[in-house]
Amino acid sequence: MLSRRALGAAALAALAPTSAAASACRRTVYLTIDTGWMDTAELIAEVMARHGVRATLFIADERTFRGDTSLSDSWAPFWRARVAEGHAFGSHTLRHWYFRGDEGERVRYVAWGERAGTLLDRPAFCAELRAPEERLRAMTGRGLDPIWRAPGGRTTPNALRFAEACGFSHVGWTANGFLGDELPSDRYPNDRLLERALATIRDGEVLMMHWGIRSRQQKFAEVFEALILGLKERGFCFATLTAPPPRLLAEARR
């Protein structure tokens, strides 16, 4: 877990207003987007640009619908455009594997569908977090903000401790902020996800979605604009993150 000192410092830096009008908003939400399959990335980005929404983007080098990976040079124009729009950026690890437990002073890091994986000590862990920054900087000239999100949101005590030592605070999402875009659409159709989100999202929620999910047949991007408009009609504005927001900090202390 983060130390009390780190939590306090993070709280001071957590809010980054997305526009000059942000102070006039009645409520604030933090939209965060993970890389994923990237098949609806252009549509989502276009909606955000049109409605003046800035988000916090957690980047990993994942396979995409194009047959490349999300941090390959072919995606440089996409990431340059997002940098120009003023979004925040955090690490989502390079390989997007999963942290499955601690073993002494190391953490087990396992690819999806596998069991053994590899063991990372602190230097190797920090290299995994920093590698997306090297790719982003090479493509755009911008580095990362000092935040990261574990794939699947799954952390371990060592993972959190190692990340803090190399300058990254973990950002998950709030319960009502889980937008469900990775759930099977036969059981969770878009209209149901949209209705739930607009009914349950409250001030200070950290929302989580992806640039696309390969396995979902009905793409969440189809209702993304309705979500943005619905939240704005309810008095919400969108802010970016450079640290865990106060709501997540409070949960971490419990």
Protein backbone atom coordinates (compact mmCIF):
# COMPACT_ATOMS: atom_id res chain seq x y z
CA MET A 1 0.00 0.00 0.00
CA LEU A 2 1.07 3.62 -0.38
CA SER A 3 2.65 5.23 2.67
CA ARG A 4 0.72 7.92 4.52
CA ARG A 5 3.20 10.52 3.33
CA ALA A 6 2.82 9.40 -0.29
CA LEU A 7 -0.96 9.34 0.05
CA GLY A 8 -1.01 12.87 1.42
CA ALA A 9 1.23 14.18 -1.34
CA ALA A 10 -0.84 12.42 -3.94
CA ALA A 11 -4.03 13.98 -2.64
CA LEU A 12 -2.65 17.47 -3.19
CA ALA A 13 -1.77 16.69 -6.79
CA ALA A 14 -4.80 14.62 -7.72
CA LEU A 15 -7.02 17.11 -9.51
CA ALA A 16 -6.17 18.58 -12.90
CA PRO A 17 -9.14 20.60 -14.26
CA THR A 18 -9.91 19.85 -17.88
CA SER A 19 -10.98 23.40 -18.75
CA ALA A 20 -11.32 26.90 -17.35
CA ALA A 21 -14.98 26.14 -16.76
CA ALA A 22 -14.22 23.16 -14.53
CA SER A 23 -14.67 25.19 -11.34
CA ALA A 24 -18.27 25.92 -12.35
CA CYS A 25 -19.18 22.22 -12.57
CA ARG A 26 -21.27 20.77 -9.78
CA ARG A 27 -19.53 17.38 -9.87
CA THR A 28 -16.30 15.87 -11.19
CA VAL A 29 -15.50 12.48 -12.67
CA TYR A 30 -12.20 11.05 -13.87
CA LEU A 31 -12.42 9.12 -17.12
CA THR A 32 -9.57 6.64 -17.53
CA ILE A 33 -8.95 4.54 -20.65
CA ASP A 34 -6.73 1.46 -20.95
CA THR A 35 -5.28 0.32 -24.26
CA GLY A 36 -7.10 -2.90 -25.10
CA TRP A 37 -7.85 -4.01 -28.70
CA MET A 38 -7.88 -0.40 -29.99
CA ASP A 39 -10.56 -1.14 -32.60
CA THR A 40 -12.83 1.73 -31.52
CA ALA A 41 -10.03 4.10 -30.49
CA GLU A 42 -10.56 6.64 -33.28
CA LEU A 43 -14.30 6.85 -32.62
CA ILE A 44 -13.84 7.32 -28.88
CA ALA A 45 -11.13 9.94 -29.42
CA GLU A 46 -13.32 11.85 -31.88
CA VAL A 47 -16.19 11.99 -29.38
CA MET A 48 -13.89 13.22 -26.62
CA ALA A 49 -12.38 15.90 -28.83
CA ARG A 50 -15.79 17.11 -29.99
CA HIS A 51 -17.10 17.43 -26.42
CA GLY A 52 -13.93 18.78 -24.84
CA VAL A 53 -13.35 15.74 -22.62
CA ARG A 54 -9.88 15.00 -21.34
CA ALA A 55 -9.05 11.63 -19.87
CA THR A 56 -6.21 9.76 -18.22
CA LEU A 57 -4.78 7.16 -20.59
CA PHE A 58 -3.01 4.08 -19.24
CA ILE A 59 -0.80 2.62 -21.95
CA ALA A 60 0.63 -0.86 -22.52
CA ASP A 61 2.03 -2.52 -25.62
CA GLU A 62 -0.94 -4.80 -26.36
CA ARG A 63 -1.92 -6.56 -29.58
CA THR A 64 -4.43 -4.60 -31.65
CA PHE A 65 -6.98 -5.28 -34.37
CA ARG A 66 -4.44 -4.10 -36.97
CA GLY A 67 -2.08 -6.99 -36.24
CA ASP A 68 0.47 -4.69 -34.62
CA THR A 69 0.79 -3.53 -31.01
CA SER A 70 -0.56 -0.38 -29.40
CA LEU A 71 2.85 1.21 -28.81
CA SER A 72 4.34 0.34 -32.19
CA ASP A 73 5.35 3.15 -34.55
CA SER A 74 2.17 2.67 -36.56
CA TRP A 75 0.21 4.16 -33.65
CA ALA A 76 2.45 7.23 -33.31
CA PRO A 77 -0.03 9.60 -35.06
CA PHE A 78 -2.80 8.47 -32.72
CA TRP A 79 -0.76 9.07 -29.57
CA ARG A 80 0.62 12.39 -30.85
CA ALA A 81 -2.95 13.60 -31.33
CA ARG A 82 -3.90 12.58 -27.79
CA VAL A 83 -0.86 14.40 -26.38
CA ALA A 84 -1.83 17.54 -28.32
CA GLU A 85 -5.33 17.34 -26.83
CA GLY A 86 -3.96 17.49 -23.30
CA HIS A 87 -4.77 14.06 -21.91
CA ALA A 88 -2.82 12.63 -18.97
CA PHE A 89 -0.80 9.43 -19.38
CA GLY A 90 0.10 6.60 -17.01
CA SER A 91 1.82 3.22 -17.30
CA HIS A 92 -0.22 0.06 -17.73
CA THR A 93 3.00 -2.03 -17.79
CA LEU A 94 4.73 -2.94 -21.02
CA ARG A 95 3.52 -6.51 -21.56
CA HIS A 96 0.11 -6.30 -19.86
CA TRP A 97 0.70 -9.48 -17.89
CA TYR A 98 -0.85 -10.02 -14.44
CA PHE A 99 0.64 -9.84 -10.94
CA ARG A 100 -0.17 -13.14 -9.24
CA GLY A 101 1.51 -12.88 -5.85
CA ASP A 102 4.72 -12.14 -4.01
CA GLU A 103 7.63 -14.49 -3.40
CA GLY A 104 10.16 -12.98 -1.01
CA GLU A 105 11.41 -9.73 -2.51
CA ARG A 106 9.96 -10.46 -5.93
CA VAL A 107 6.54 -10.44 -7.57
CA ARG A 108 5.23 -13.09 -9.95
CA TYR A 109 4.23 -11.69 -13.35
CA VAL A 110 2.17 -14.02 -15.55
CA ALA A 111 0.81 -13.79 -19.10
CA TRP A 112 -2.92 -14.34 -19.60
CA GLY A 113 -3.71 -18.06 -19.75
CA GLU A 114 -0.36 -19.13 -18.34
CA ARG A 115 0.63 -20.21 -14.84
CA ALA A 116 4.38 -19.92 -14.33
CA GLY A 117 5.29 -16.49 -15.64
CA THR A 118 8.42 -14.82 -14.34
CA LEU A 119 9.61 -13.30 -11.09
CA LEU A 120 10.43 -9.58 -11.04
CA ASP A 121 12.69 -7.96 -8.48
CA ARG A 122 12.39 -4.23 -7.91
CA PRO A 123 14.70 -3.12 -10.78
CA ALA A 124 12.94 -5.45 -13.24
CA PHE A 125 9.54 -4.29 -12.01
CA CYS A 126 10.47 -0.64 -12.45
CA ALA A 127 11.78 -1.36 -15.94
CA GLU A 128 8.40 -2.91 -16.82
CA LEU A 129 6.60 0.23 -15.62
CA ARG A 130 8.96 2.65 -17.33
CA ALA A 131 9.15 0.91 -20.72
CA PRO A 132 5.84 2.43 -21.96
CA GLU A 133 7.24 5.86 -21.15
CA GLU A 134 10.23 5.21 -23.38
CA ARG A 135 7.91 4.25 -26.25
CA LEU A 136 5.60 7.23 -25.70
CA ARG A 137 8.48 9.69 -25.48
CA ALA A 138 10.02 8.34 -28.68
CA MET A 139 6.71 8.80 -30.52
CA THR A 140 5.49 12.08 -29.02
CA GLY A 141 8.20 13.72 -26.93
CA ARG A 142 6.01 13.36 -23.84
CA GLY A 143 6.71 11.21 -20.81
CA LEU A 144 4.29 9.67 -18.34
CA ASP A 145 2.64 11.19 -15.32
CA PRO A 146 3.75 9.43 -12.09
CA ILE A 147 0.84 6.98 -12.07
CA TRP A 148 0.24 3.40 -13.14
CA ARG A 149 -2.55 0.85 -13.32
CA ALA A 150 -1.95 -2.86 -12.90
CA PRO A 151 -3.50 -5.02 -15.64
CA GLY A 152 -6.88 -6.14 -14.38
CA GLY A 153 -6.38 -3.84 -11.40
CA ARG A 154 -4.60 -6.73 -9.65
CA THR A 155 -1.80 -5.60 -7.38
CA THR A 156 0.33 -7.19 -4.67
CA PRO A 157 2.06 -5.60 -1.67
CA ASN A 158 5.41 -5.90 -3.42
CA ALA A 159 4.05 -4.44 -6.66
CA LEU A 160 2.70 -1.37 -4.86
CA ARG A 161 5.89 -0.97 -2.84
CA PHE A 162 8.19 -1.37 -5.86
CA ALA A 163 6.12 1.08 -7.90
CA GLU A 164 6.22 3.71 -5.18
CA ALA A 165 10.00 3.30 -4.92
CA CYS A 166 10.37 4.03 -8.64
CA GLY A 167 8.00 7.00 -8.51
CA PHE A 168 4.57 5.62 -9.52
CA SER A 169 1.31 5.71 -7.54
CA HIS A 170 -1.35 3.15 -8.39
CA VAL A 171 -4.73 4.28 -9.75
CA GLY A 172 -7.56 1.77 -9.84
CA TRP A 173 -11.21 2.67 -10.31
CA THR A 174 -14.24 3.12 -8.10
CA ALA A 175 -17.00 0.50 -7.92
CA ASN A 176 -19.51 2.70 -9.75
CA GLY A 177 -16.82 3.73 -12.20
CA PHE A 178 -16.49 0.28 -13.75
CA LEU A 179 -18.26 0.90 -17.07
CA GLY A 180 -18.41 -2.78 -18.05
CA ASP A 181 -17.11 -2.47 -21.60
CA GLU A 182 -15.19 -5.74 -21.21
CA LEU A 183 -18.24 -7.77 -20.12
CA PRO A 184 -20.04 -10.09 -22.59
CA SER A 185 -22.62 -8.07 -24.48
CA ASP A 186 -25.20 -10.88 -24.57
CA ARG A 187 -25.59 -10.51 -20.81
CA TYR A 188 -24.61 -6.86 -20.50
CA PRO A 189 -25.91 -5.02 -23.57
CA ASN A 190 -24.96 -1.40 -24.17
CA ASP A 191 -28.30 0.04 -23.14
CA ARG A 192 -28.08 -1.72 -19.78
CA LEU A 193 -24.50 -0.55 -19.16
CA LEU A 194 -25.41 3.02 -20.11
CA GLU A 195 -28.48 3.06 -17.89
CA ARG A 196 -26.51 1.70 -14.94
CA ALA A 197 -23.69 4.19 -15.37
CA LEU A 198 -25.97 7.22 -15.56
CA ALA A 199 -27.92 6.03 -12.51
CA THR A 200 -24.99 5.19 -10.24
CA ILE A 201 -22.06 7.48 -11.08
CA ARG A 202 -21.48 10.01 -8.31
CA ASP A 203 -19.12 12.90 -7.66
CA GLY A 204 -15.49 11.80 -7.56
CA GLU A 205 -15.89 8.49 -9.41
CA VAL A 206 -12.93 7.12 -11.35
CA LEU A 207 -14.37 5.65 -14.56
CA MET A 208 -12.62 2.80 -16.38
CA MET A 209 -12.98 1.68 -19.99
CA HIS A 210 -10.80 0.63 -22.95
CA TRP A 211 -10.05 1.79 -26.47
CA GLY A 212 -11.74 -1.44 -27.51
CA ILE A 213 -12.31 -5.02 -26.33
CA ARG A 214 -11.74 -7.86 -28.79
CA SER A 215 -14.20 -10.30 -27.21
CA ARG A 216 -17.17 -7.93 -26.93
CA GLN A 217 -19.55 -8.24 -29.86
CA GLN A 218 -21.57 -5.06 -29.19
CA LYS A 219 -19.01 -2.29 -28.95
CA PHE A 220 -19.34 0.06 -25.98
CA ALA A 221 -18.14 2.93 -28.15
CA GLU A 222 -21.61 2.96 -29.71
CA VAL A 223 -23.05 4.47 -26.49
CA PHE A 224 -19.95 6.40 -25.42
CA GLU A 225 -21.26 9.74 -26.69
CA ALA A 226 -24.59 9.15 -24.93
CA LEU A 227 -22.65 8.54 -21.72
CA ILE A 228 -20.67 11.77 -22.08
CA LEU A 229 -23.78 13.81 -22.86
CA GLY A 230 -25.76 12.20 -20.05
CA LEU A 231 -23.08 12.95 -17.49
CA LYS A 232 -22.71 16.52 -18.67
CA GLU A 233 -26.47 17.02 -18.43
CA ARG A 234 -26.22 15.89 -14.80
CA GLY A 235 -23.64 18.57 -14.04
CA PHE A 236 -20.47 16.48 -14.32
CA CYS A 237 -17.21 17.75 -15.73
CA PHE A 238 -14.17 15.65 -16.57
CA ALA A 239 -10.75 15.99 -14.95
CA THR A 240 -7.44 14.23 -15.54
CA LEU A 241 -5.29 12.56 -12.89
CA THR A 242 -1.67 12.84 -11.91
CA ALA A 243 -2.15 10.86 -8.68
CA PRO A 244 -4.85 8.76 -7.01
CA PRO A 245 -7.91 10.97 -6.37
CA PRO A 246 -9.16 11.62 -2.82
CA ARG A 247 -11.87 8.97 -3.03
CA LEU A 248 -9.39 6.20 -3.79
CA LEU A 249 -6.99 7.55 -1.17
CA ALA A 250 -9.73 7.29 1.44
CA GLU A 251 -10.43 3.70 0.41
CA ALA A 252 -6.70 2.87 0.65
CA ARG A 253 -6.62 4.04 4.28
CA ARG A 254 -9.45 1.71 5.35
